[in-house]
Structures are given as structure tokens and as C-alpha cells.
Amino acid sequence: MRRNFVTTSLRCGLVGPLVLCAFGVALSTARAGAQAPPLPAPILEQELATEIDRFVEADRVAPPASCQVLFVGSSSIVGWKETLAADMAPMPVVNRGFGGSHIAHVNRWFNQIVVPYRPRAIVFYAGENDIDAGKSVEGVVADFDEFMARKTQALGKTPVYFISLKPSKSRFAQFPLQSQVNDAIRAHAAKRSDLHYIDVVSPMLENGKPKDIFVSDNLHMASQGYAIWTWAVRAALLPNTEAEARSCHHAEQP
């Protein structure tokens, strides 16, 4: 099945029409082939804020039902939008991925893209862009700890399923740092009943290298990559989902 991956649209006139239009054209061209460099922070913030505004408006017009499984995070979640519902059926899902985001951005907009859905479970994927942007392993883990603290405060024992930072061809030089993040969060999961670690690293590697499961930028996954994720995430969610649904609906009762 063909997947169309779009992380940004061209928007002119936000910070100087000529500058941003030229940047947008260059960005679009680059992402059609080789991986583009990370967006400058102010432009990334604008892009992400626009995506959040779209989510908020969509929720205002048609609020999603509560007690679904919330998928939140960066572009690997965005790229799953086309088939996520079918891949996770019969579990109901809400996709709130926003491309290019870091864990800190999920924390920043936590009240807009996590809390309103009152999910039965949260599937979380972010941290990869953080490492690529130069954030330390300790900083990435601390940001995720903040996410968990916010989750506990707002949603109590709602379980979080952390998908391990994936090995990709274009960022394989960062794999040692990604592995340190994964190891730290796996260790946290061993100590918390509300945190589960989903290993997608092992099935995405062959002879120690990433498999040929990516689109042309060698970063974002093709359908073969999402097939691996579907298997791994379903295996983690399905044994618990009925109990999580009952707990969620019970919590909603007056």
C-alpha cells in the first residue's frame, strides 16, 4: 500500500514573504529525495503551532470519543495516518502526530493534544528529532520524564507505550545515542506499571544494519516499516486493551 508522507506545507508571508516562500520551495524539493536538514527553531515552532491549531479546530468541530488509544509524537506517527485505524482495529485510535516535533513540543502542547481525549492508552513516539538536533541523551530522557509527570497529574494511571527510537539509514550514525535513550526508558518501564517499552529496533535491523524499509529519504518508513510497527504495537496493546477500556470508562462515570 502506498503511503503519502507530508510533513509541512508551503506558507508564505509569515516572516517575510520572499524568505519563507524560497525556504518552503527548497524544503519541499529536498524532502522529495535526500533528508532535509532540521528546520531552524523559530520556523519549526511556527509549523508545529499551525498543526496544533488544526487539531484544536478539528476537535472543536467534531470532538473524538474518549477512551480511544491516542497515538502522539513526531513524523513516524504522522506517516501512519493513512492506515492506522485499520492496522489497529478493532481498537479505536486517535492520531495526533505532528512532523518534526520533539518530546518538548509534545509537553508544550500537552493540554491541547493529549488531555482532551481522555485516552485508554497512549502510544508515544518522539525523541529521534531531539537527538538529531543535538540534544543530549540526558535531556531527551528528562523531557520524557516530564511527559510522564504531566500524564500522571492529568490522567492518573493511564498507560503509556513508548515505541523505541527507530534505526534509520540516514541517521544510523546517531544509533548509539538513540540506544542510550532507549535503554534509559526501558529501565524506567521496568519500574513503572504505567509505562511499557515497545522494541522496534530488533525487527528493523538485519545483520546489524537497518533493513530496506524506508522511502527515498532513508528516514521515513515505507509500508514495510509500518508493517513491523503494526505487529509490534498490536502485540503490546492487545493483551491489555479491554481492561484499559473498562478502566477508562469507569473513570468517566460520575
C-alpha atoms as a PDB file:
ATOM      1  CA  MET A   1       0.000   0.000   0.000  1.00  0.00           C
ATOM      2  CA  ARG A   2       1.355   3.370  -0.997  1.00  0.00           C
ATOM      3  CA  ARG A   3       1.826   5.954   1.752  1.00  0.00           C
ATOM      4  CA  ASN A   4       1.989   9.661   1.082  1.00  0.00           C
ATOM      5  CA  PHE A   5       4.160  11.407   3.649  1.00  0.00           C
ATOM      6  CA  VAL A   6       3.777  15.160   4.091  1.00  0.00           C
ATOM      7  CA  THR A   7       5.391  16.987   6.975  1.00  0.00           C
ATOM      8  CA  THR A   8       4.897  20.606   6.011  1.00  0.00           C
ATOM      9  CA  SER A   9       3.051  22.837   3.615  1.00  0.00           C
ATOM     10  CA  LEU A  10       4.298  25.987   1.927  1.00  0.00           C
ATOM     11  CA  ARG A  11       3.110  29.057   3.776  1.00  0.00           C
ATOM     12  CA  CYS A  12       4.150  32.474   2.550  1.00  0.00           C
ATOM     13  CA  GLY A  13       4.094  35.807   4.296  1.00  0.00           C
ATOM     14  CA  LEU A  14       4.585  34.615   7.873  1.00  0.00           C
ATOM     15  CA  VAL A  15       8.055  36.079   8.400  1.00  0.00           C
ATOM     16  CA  GLY A  16       8.836  37.893   5.219  1.00  0.00           C
ATOM     17  CA  PRO A  17       7.119  36.539   2.098  1.00  0.00           C
ATOM     18  CA  LEU A  18      10.169  36.064  -0.092  1.00  0.00           C
ATOM     19  CA  VAL A  19      12.300  34.417   2.563  1.00  0.00           C
ATOM     20  CA  LEU A  20       9.725  31.843   3.631  1.00  0.00           C
ATOM     21  CA  CYS A  21       8.478  31.111   0.128  1.00  0.00           C
ATOM     22  CA  ALA A  22      12.008  30.421  -1.045  1.00  0.00           C
ATOM     23  CA  PHE A  23      12.668  28.314   2.023  1.00  0.00           C
ATOM     24  CA  GLY A  24       9.453  26.366   1.520  1.00  0.00           C
ATOM     25  CA  VAL A  25      10.272  25.526  -2.096  1.00  0.00           C
ATOM     26  CA  ALA A  26      13.754  24.372  -1.129  1.00  0.00           C
ATOM     27  CA  LEU A  27      12.376  22.309   1.750  1.00  0.00           C
ATOM     28  CA  SER A  28       9.766  20.630  -0.401  1.00  0.00           C
ATOM     29  CA  THR A  29      12.346  19.767  -3.070  1.00  0.00           C
ATOM     30  CA  ALA A  30      14.816  18.404  -0.545  1.00  0.00           C
ATOM     31  CA  ARG A  31      12.272  16.182   1.183  1.00  0.00           C
ATOM     32  CA  ALA A  32      11.303  14.603  -2.098  1.00  0.00           C
ATOM     33  CA  GLY A  33      14.757  12.998  -2.151  1.00  0.00           C
ATOM     34  CA  ALA A  34      17.541  13.224   0.413  1.00  0.00           C
ATOM     35  CA  GLN A  35      16.783  14.046   4.018  1.00  0.00           C
ATOM     36  CA  ALA A  36      16.476  17.785   4.597  1.00  0.00           C
ATOM     37  CA  PRO A  37      18.357  19.444   7.457  1.00  0.00           C
ATOM     38  CA  PRO A  38      16.370  20.235  10.606  1.00  0.00           C
ATOM     39  CA  LEU A  39      14.200  23.335  10.423  1.00  0.00           C
ATOM     40  CA  PRO A  40      15.518  26.426  12.237  1.00  0.00           C
ATOM     41  CA  ALA A  41      13.826  26.560  15.644  1.00  0.00           C
ATOM     42  CA  PRO A  42      11.590  29.636  15.050  1.00  0.00           C
ATOM     43  CA  ILE A  43      10.269  28.259  11.756  1.00  0.00           C
ATOM     44  CA  LEU A  44       9.762  24.806  13.267  1.00  0.00           C
ATOM     45  CA  GLU A  45       7.801  26.382  16.117  1.00  0.00           C
ATOM     46  CA  GLN A  46       5.550  28.159  13.617  1.00  0.00           C
ATOM     47  CA  GLU A  47       4.997  24.972  11.623  1.00  0.00           C
ATOM     48  CA  LEU A  48       4.124  22.984  14.723  1.00  0.00           C
ATOM     49  CA  ALA A  49       1.856  25.668  16.168  1.00  0.00           C
ATOM     50  CA  THR A  50      -0.105  25.675  12.915  1.00  0.00           C
ATOM     51  CA  GLU A  51      -0.544  21.900  13.118  1.00  0.00           C
ATOM     52  CA  ILE A  52      -1.746  22.172  16.719  1.00  0.00           C
ATOM     53  CA  ASP A  53      -4.243  24.847  15.726  1.00  0.00           C
ATOM     54  CA  ARG A  54      -5.626  22.483  13.098  1.00  0.00           C
ATOM     55  CA  PHE A  55      -6.054  19.730  15.677  1.00  0.00           C
ATOM     56  CA  VAL A  56      -7.807  22.078  18.082  1.00  0.00           C
ATOM     57  CA  GLU A  57     -10.181  23.303  15.373  1.00  0.00           C
ATOM     58  CA  ALA A  58     -10.914  19.763  14.170  1.00  0.00           C
ATOM     59  CA  ASP A  59     -11.692  18.727  17.749  1.00  0.00           C
ATOM     60  CA  ARG A  60     -13.986  21.725  18.166  1.00  0.00           C
ATOM     61  CA  VAL A  61     -15.952  20.779  15.073  1.00  0.00           C
ATOM     62  CA  ALA A  62     -16.050  17.032  15.764  1.00  0.00           C
ATOM     63  CA  PRO A  63     -14.756  16.042  19.218  1.00  0.00           C
ATOM     64  CA  PRO A  64     -13.306  12.500  19.182  1.00  0.00           C
ATOM     65  CA  ALA A  65     -14.832   9.964  21.533  1.00  0.00           C
ATOM     66  CA  SER A  66     -12.991   9.413  24.780  1.00  0.00           C
ATOM     67  CA  CYS A  67     -11.249   6.178  25.794  1.00  0.00           C
ATOM     68  CA  GLN A  68      -9.576   5.568  22.447  1.00  0.00           C
ATOM     69  CA  VAL A  69      -5.893   4.754  22.007  1.00  0.00           C
ATOM     70  CA  LEU A  70      -4.022   8.004  21.429  1.00  0.00           C
ATOM     71  CA  PHE A  71      -1.003   7.946  19.114  1.00  0.00           C
ATOM     72  CA  VAL A  72       1.124  11.044  19.649  1.00  0.00           C
ATOM     73  CA  GLY A  73       4.565  12.160  18.566  1.00  0.00           C
ATOM     74  CA  SER A  74       6.616  13.050  15.538  1.00  0.00           C
ATOM     75  CA  SER A  75       6.640  12.264  11.810  1.00  0.00           C
ATOM     76  CA  SER A  76       6.560   8.481  12.133  1.00  0.00           C
ATOM     77  CA  ILE A  77       3.121   8.910  13.724  1.00  0.00           C
ATOM     78  CA  VAL A  78       2.107  11.426  11.041  1.00  0.00           C
ATOM     79  CA  GLY A  79       3.110   8.963   8.325  1.00  0.00           C
ATOM     80  CA  TRP A  80       0.883   6.291   9.859  1.00  0.00           C
ATOM     81  CA  LYS A  81      -2.277   8.349   9.469  1.00  0.00           C
ATOM     82  CA  GLU A  82      -3.466   6.628   6.289  1.00  0.00           C
ATOM     83  CA  THR A  83      -3.736   3.087   7.676  1.00  0.00           C
ATOM     84  CA  LEU A  84      -3.505   3.438  11.459  1.00  0.00           C
ATOM     85  CA  ALA A  85      -7.197   2.786  12.116  1.00  0.00           C
ATOM     86  CA  ALA A  86      -7.183  -0.374  10.005  1.00  0.00           C
ATOM     87  CA  ASP A  87      -3.839  -1.522  11.391  1.00  0.00           C
ATOM     88  CA  MET A  88      -5.065  -1.232  14.989  1.00  0.00           C
ATOM     89  CA  ALA A  89      -8.652  -2.464  14.515  1.00  0.00           C
ATOM     90  CA  PRO A  90     -10.743  -3.234  16.451  1.00  0.00           C
ATOM     91  CA  MET A  91      -9.023  -0.853  18.878  1.00  0.00           C
ATOM     92  CA  PRO A  92     -10.243   2.735  18.222  1.00  0.00           C
ATOM     93  CA  VAL A  93      -7.476   5.265  17.668  1.00  0.00           C
ATOM     94  CA  VAL A  94      -6.773   8.984  17.527  1.00  0.00           C
ATOM     95  CA  ASN A  95      -3.693  10.156  15.600  1.00  0.00           C
ATOM     96  CA  ARG A  96      -2.051  13.328  16.872  1.00  0.00           C
ATOM     97  CA  GLY A  97       1.339  13.157  15.242  1.00  0.00           C
ATOM     98  CA  PHE A  98       2.955  16.391  14.124  1.00  0.00           C
ATOM     99  CA  GLY A  99       6.038  16.137  11.922  1.00  0.00           C
ATOM    100  CA  GLY A 100       9.417  17.416  13.085  1.00  0.00           C
ATOM    101  CA  SER A 101       8.355  17.596  16.714  1.00  0.00           C
ATOM    102  CA  HIS A 102      10.462  16.866  19.785  1.00  0.00           C
ATOM    103  CA  ILE A 103       9.341  15.497  23.129  1.00  0.00           C
ATOM    104  CA  ALA A 104       9.454  19.040  24.485  1.00  0.00           C
ATOM    105  CA  HIS A 105       6.871  20.070  21.884  1.00  0.00           C
ATOM    106  CA  VAL A 106       4.518  17.292  22.994  1.00  0.00           C
ATOM    107  CA  ASN A 107       4.940  18.618  26.535  1.00  0.00           C
ATOM    108  CA  ARG A 108       4.357  22.194  25.417  1.00  0.00           C
ATOM    109  CA  TRP A 109       1.023  21.349  23.795  1.00  0.00           C
ATOM    110  CA  PHE A 110       0.099  18.548  26.196  1.00  0.00           C
ATOM    111  CA  ASN A 111      -3.156  20.216  27.190  1.00  0.00           C
ATOM    112  CA  GLN A 112      -4.199  20.529  23.539  1.00  0.00           C
ATOM    113  CA  ILE A 113      -3.191  17.145  22.065  1.00  0.00           C
ATOM    114  CA  VAL A 114      -3.257  14.693  24.977  1.00  0.00           C
ATOM    115  CA  VAL A 115      -5.566  15.698  27.833  1.00  0.00           C
ATOM    116  CA  PRO A 116      -8.778  16.378  25.835  1.00  0.00           C
ATOM    117  CA  TYR A 117      -9.007  12.807  24.507  1.00  0.00           C
ATOM    118  CA  ARG A 118      -9.077  11.053  27.899  1.00  0.00           C
ATOM    119  CA  PRO A 119      -7.431   8.036  26.227  1.00  0.00           C
ATOM    120  CA  ARG A 120      -7.468   4.442  27.440  1.00  0.00           C
ATOM    121  CA  ALA A 121      -3.761   4.294  26.479  1.00  0.00           C
ATOM    122  CA  ILE A 122      -1.127   6.494  24.874  1.00  0.00           C
ATOM    123  CA  VAL A 123       1.284   5.250  22.213  1.00  0.00           C
ATOM    124  CA  PHE A 124       4.238   7.633  22.172  1.00  0.00           C
ATOM    125  CA  TYR A 125       6.929   8.136  19.546  1.00  0.00           C
ATOM    126  CA  ALA A 126       9.314  11.086  19.778  1.00  0.00           C
ATOM    127  CA  GLY A 127      12.934  11.741  20.705  1.00  0.00           C
ATOM    128  CA  GLU A 128      14.598  10.923  17.420  1.00  0.00           C
ATOM    129  CA  ASN A 129      14.445  14.518  16.163  1.00  0.00           C
ATOM    130  CA  ASP A 130      15.721  15.694  19.538  1.00  0.00           C
ATOM    131  CA  ILE A 131      18.946  13.704  19.168  1.00  0.00           C
ATOM    132  CA  ASP A 132      19.302  14.850  15.561  1.00  0.00           C
ATOM    133  CA  ALA A 133      19.020  18.475  16.728  1.00  0.00           C
ATOM    134  CA  GLY A 134      21.870  17.970  19.216  1.00  0.00           C
ATOM    135  CA  LYS A 135      20.007  17.452  22.483  1.00  0.00           C
ATOM    136  CA  SER A 136      21.846  15.242  24.958  1.00  0.00           C
ATOM    137  CA  VAL A 137      20.637  11.791  25.935  1.00  0.00           C
ATOM    138  CA  GLU A 138      20.051  13.088  29.452  1.00  0.00           C
ATOM    139  CA  GLY A 139      17.998  15.979  28.080  1.00  0.00           C
ATOM    140  CA  VAL A 140      15.812  13.691  25.968  1.00  0.00           C
ATOM    141  CA  VAL A 141      15.166  11.356  28.889  1.00  0.00           C
ATOM    142  CA  ALA A 142      14.404  14.302  31.176  1.00  0.00           C
ATOM    143  CA  ASP A 143      11.862  15.600  28.663  1.00  0.00           C
ATOM    144  CA  PHE A 144      10.166  12.209  28.594  1.00  0.00           C
ATOM    145  CA  ASP A 145      10.160  12.130  32.392  1.00  0.00           C
ATOM    146  CA  GLU A 146       8.350  15.480  32.240  1.00  0.00           C
ATOM    147  CA  PHE A 147       5.801  13.977  29.852  1.00  0.00           C
ATOM    148  CA  MET A 148       5.167  11.135  32.269  1.00  0.00           C
ATOM    149  CA  ALA A 149       4.789  13.583  35.153  1.00  0.00           C
ATOM    150  CA  ARG A 150       2.256  15.614  33.184  1.00  0.00           C
ATOM    151  CA  LYS A 151       0.427  12.433  32.237  1.00  0.00           C
ATOM    152  CA  THR A 152       0.217  11.293  35.852  1.00  0.00           C
ATOM    153  CA  GLN A 153      -1.046  14.666  37.019  1.00  0.00           C
ATOM    154  CA  ALA A 154      -3.738  14.947  34.328  1.00  0.00           C
ATOM    155  CA  LEU A 155      -4.607  11.329  33.507  1.00  0.00           C
ATOM    156  CA  GLY A 156      -3.539   9.298  36.502  1.00  0.00           C
ATOM    157  CA  LYS A 157      -2.562   5.708  35.744  1.00  0.00           C
ATOM    158  CA  THR A 158      -3.344   5.862  32.018  1.00  0.00           C
ATOM    159  CA  PRO A 159      -0.705   3.599  30.454  1.00  0.00           C
ATOM    160  CA  VAL A 160       1.936   4.894  28.070  1.00  0.00           C
ATOM    161  CA  TYR A 161       3.505   2.663  25.416  1.00  0.00           C
ATOM    162  CA  PHE A 162       6.855   4.092  24.336  1.00  0.00           C
ATOM    163  CA  ILE A 163       7.993   2.993  20.869  1.00  0.00           C
ATOM    164  CA  SER A 164      11.778   2.749  20.858  1.00  0.00           C
ATOM    165  CA  LEU A 165      13.699   5.252  18.750  1.00  0.00           C
ATOM    166  CA  LYS A 166      13.973   3.562  15.399  1.00  0.00           C
ATOM    167  CA  PRO A 167      17.192   2.825  13.484  1.00  0.00           C
ATOM    168  CA  SER A 168      17.107   4.536  10.088  1.00  0.00           C
ATOM    169  CA  LYS A 169      19.693   4.591   7.327  1.00  0.00           C
ATOM    170  CA  SER A 170      20.049   8.372   7.198  1.00  0.00           C
ATOM    171  CA  ARG A 171      20.575   8.686  10.979  1.00  0.00           C
ATOM    172  CA  PHE A 172      22.399   5.460  11.712  1.00  0.00           C
ATOM    173  CA  ALA A 173      25.416   7.427  12.947  1.00  0.00           C
ATOM    174  CA  GLN A 174      23.146   8.501  15.822  1.00  0.00           C
ATOM    175  CA  PHE A 175      22.172   4.934  16.662  1.00  0.00           C
ATOM    176  CA  PRO A 176      24.489   4.719  19.728  1.00  0.00           C
ATOM    177  CA  LEU A 177      22.834   7.811  21.233  1.00  0.00           C
ATOM    178  CA  GLN A 178      19.378   6.552  20.323  1.00  0.00           C
ATOM    179  CA  SER A 179      20.213   3.264  22.024  1.00  0.00           C
ATOM    180  CA  GLN A 180      21.152   5.095  25.217  1.00  0.00           C
ATOM    181  CA  VAL A 181      17.769   6.822  25.223  1.00  0.00           C
ATOM    182  CA  ASN A 182      16.035   3.512  24.578  1.00  0.00           C
ATOM    183  CA  ASP A 183      17.949   1.768  27.360  1.00  0.00           C
ATOM    184  CA  ALA A 184      17.112   4.520  29.847  1.00  0.00           C
ATOM    185  CA  ILE A 185      13.395   4.450  29.063  1.00  0.00           C
ATOM    186  CA  ARG A 186      13.322   0.656  29.045  1.00  0.00           C
ATOM    187  CA  ALA A 187      14.808   0.806  32.563  1.00  0.00           C
ATOM    188  CA  HIS A 188      12.111   3.291  33.620  1.00  0.00           C
ATOM    189  CA  ALA A 189       9.441   0.978  32.229  1.00  0.00           C
ATOM    190  CA  ALA A 190      10.748  -1.884  34.349  1.00  0.00           C
ATOM    191  CA  LYS A 191       9.963   0.181  37.439  1.00  0.00           C
ATOM    192  CA  ARG A 192       6.561   1.622  36.465  1.00  0.00           C
ATOM    193  CA  SER A 193       3.286  -0.195  35.898  1.00  0.00           C
ATOM    194  CA  ASP A 194       2.014   2.657  33.694  1.00  0.00           C
ATOM    195  CA  LEU A 195       4.925   2.608  31.220  1.00  0.00           C
ATOM    196  CA  HIS A 196       5.544  -0.059  28.582  1.00  0.00           C
ATOM    197  CA  TYR A 197       8.532  -0.234  26.222  1.00  0.00           C
ATOM    198  CA  ILE A 198       7.943  -1.437  22.645  1.00  0.00           C
ATOM    199  CA  ASP A 199      11.087  -2.658  20.900  1.00  0.00           C
ATOM    200  CA  VAL A 200      11.014  -1.921  17.175  1.00  0.00           C
ATOM    201  CA  VAL A 201      14.797  -1.801  16.883  1.00  0.00           C
ATOM    202  CA  SER A 202      15.401  -5.551  16.711  1.00  0.00           C
ATOM    203  CA  PRO A 203      12.907  -6.310  13.911  1.00  0.00           C
ATOM    204  CA  MET A 204      14.066  -3.261  11.899  1.00  0.00           C
ATOM    205  CA  LEU A 205      17.689  -4.466  11.782  1.00  0.00           C
ATOM    206  CA  GLU A 206      19.289  -7.138   9.657  1.00  0.00           C
ATOM    207  CA  ASN A 207      22.898  -8.132  10.257  1.00  0.00           C
ATOM    208  CA  GLY A 208      23.238  -5.058  12.466  1.00  0.00           C
ATOM    209  CA  LYS A 209      22.060  -2.579   9.816  1.00  0.00           C
ATOM    210  CA  PRO A 210      18.655  -1.036   9.022  1.00  0.00           C
ATOM    211  CA  LYS A 211      16.546  -3.052   6.610  1.00  0.00           C
ATOM    212  CA  ASP A 212      15.386  -1.645   3.262  1.00  0.00           C
ATOM    213  CA  ILE A 213      12.071  -0.422   4.653  1.00  0.00           C
ATOM    214  CA  PHE A 214      12.336   3.337   4.039  1.00  0.00           C
ATOM    215  CA  VAL A 215      11.208   5.828   1.430  1.00  0.00           C
ATOM    216  CA  SER A 216      13.759   7.724  -0.646  1.00  0.00           C
ATOM    217  CA  ASP A 217      14.969   9.961   2.185  1.00  0.00           C
ATOM    218  CA  ASN A 218      16.089   6.838   4.116  1.00  0.00           C
ATOM    219  CA  LEU A 219      14.479   8.294   7.239  1.00  0.00           C
ATOM    220  CA  HIS A 220      10.723   7.882   6.977  1.00  0.00           C
ATOM    221  CA  MET A 221       9.287   4.403   6.721  1.00  0.00           C
ATOM    222  CA  ALA A 222       7.663   2.749   3.742  1.00  0.00           C
ATOM    223  CA  SER A 223       4.775   0.303   4.163  1.00  0.00           C
ATOM    224  CA  GLN A 224       7.224  -2.485   5.060  1.00  0.00           C
ATOM    225  CA  GLY A 225       8.396  -0.475   8.063  1.00  0.00           C
ATOM    226  CA  TYR A 226       4.862   0.220   9.220  1.00  0.00           C
ATOM    227  CA  ALA A 227       4.082  -3.484   8.916  1.00  0.00           C
ATOM    228  CA  ILE A 228       6.805  -4.116  11.517  1.00  0.00           C
ATOM    229  CA  TRP A 229       5.418  -1.387  13.761  1.00  0.00           C
ATOM    230  CA  THR A 230       1.890  -2.721  13.385  1.00  0.00           C
ATOM    231  CA  TRP A 231       2.960  -6.153  14.557  1.00  0.00           C
ATOM    232  CA  ALA A 232       4.984  -4.799  17.499  1.00  0.00           C
ATOM    233  CA  VAL A 233       2.399  -2.281  18.700  1.00  0.00           C
ATOM    234  CA  ARG A 234      -0.549  -4.663  18.411  1.00  0.00           C
ATOM    235  CA  ALA A 235       1.404  -7.294  20.325  1.00  0.00           C
ATOM    236  CA  ALA A 236       1.916  -4.788  23.139  1.00  0.00           C
ATOM    237  CA  LEU A 237      -1.587  -3.305  23.197  1.00  0.00           C
ATOM    238  CA  LEU A 238      -3.957  -6.186  22.602  1.00  0.00           C
ATOM    239  CA  PRO A 239      -3.405  -8.151  25.829  1.00  0.00           C
ATOM    240  CA  ASN A 240      -4.316  -5.091  27.905  1.00  0.00           C
ATOM    241  CA  THR A 241      -6.730  -3.085  25.792  1.00  0.00           C
ATOM    242  CA  GLU A 242     -10.041  -4.462  27.116  1.00  0.00           C
ATOM    243  CA  ALA A 243      -9.041  -3.926  30.728  1.00  0.00           C
ATOM    244  CA  GLU A 244      -7.739  -0.446  29.862  1.00  0.00           C
ATOM    245  CA  ALA A 245     -11.015   0.394  28.114  1.00  0.00           C
ATOM    246  CA  ARG A 246     -13.057  -0.747  31.140  1.00  0.00           C
ATOM    247  CA  SER A 247     -10.850   1.265  33.488  1.00  0.00           C
ATOM    248  CA  CYS A 248     -11.130   4.335  31.300  1.00  0.00           C
ATOM    249  CA  HIS A 249     -14.929   4.179  31.012  1.00  0.00           C
ATOM    250  CA  HIS A 250     -15.230   3.516  34.751  1.00  0.00           C
ATOM    251  CA  ALA A 251     -13.148   6.628  35.480  1.00  0.00           C
ATOM    252  CA  GLU A 252     -15.567   8.695  33.390  1.00  0.00           C
ATOM    253  CA  GLN A 253     -18.590   7.670  35.420  1.00  0.00           C
ATOM    254  CA  PRO A 254     -19.801  10.232  37.963  1.00  0.00           C
END
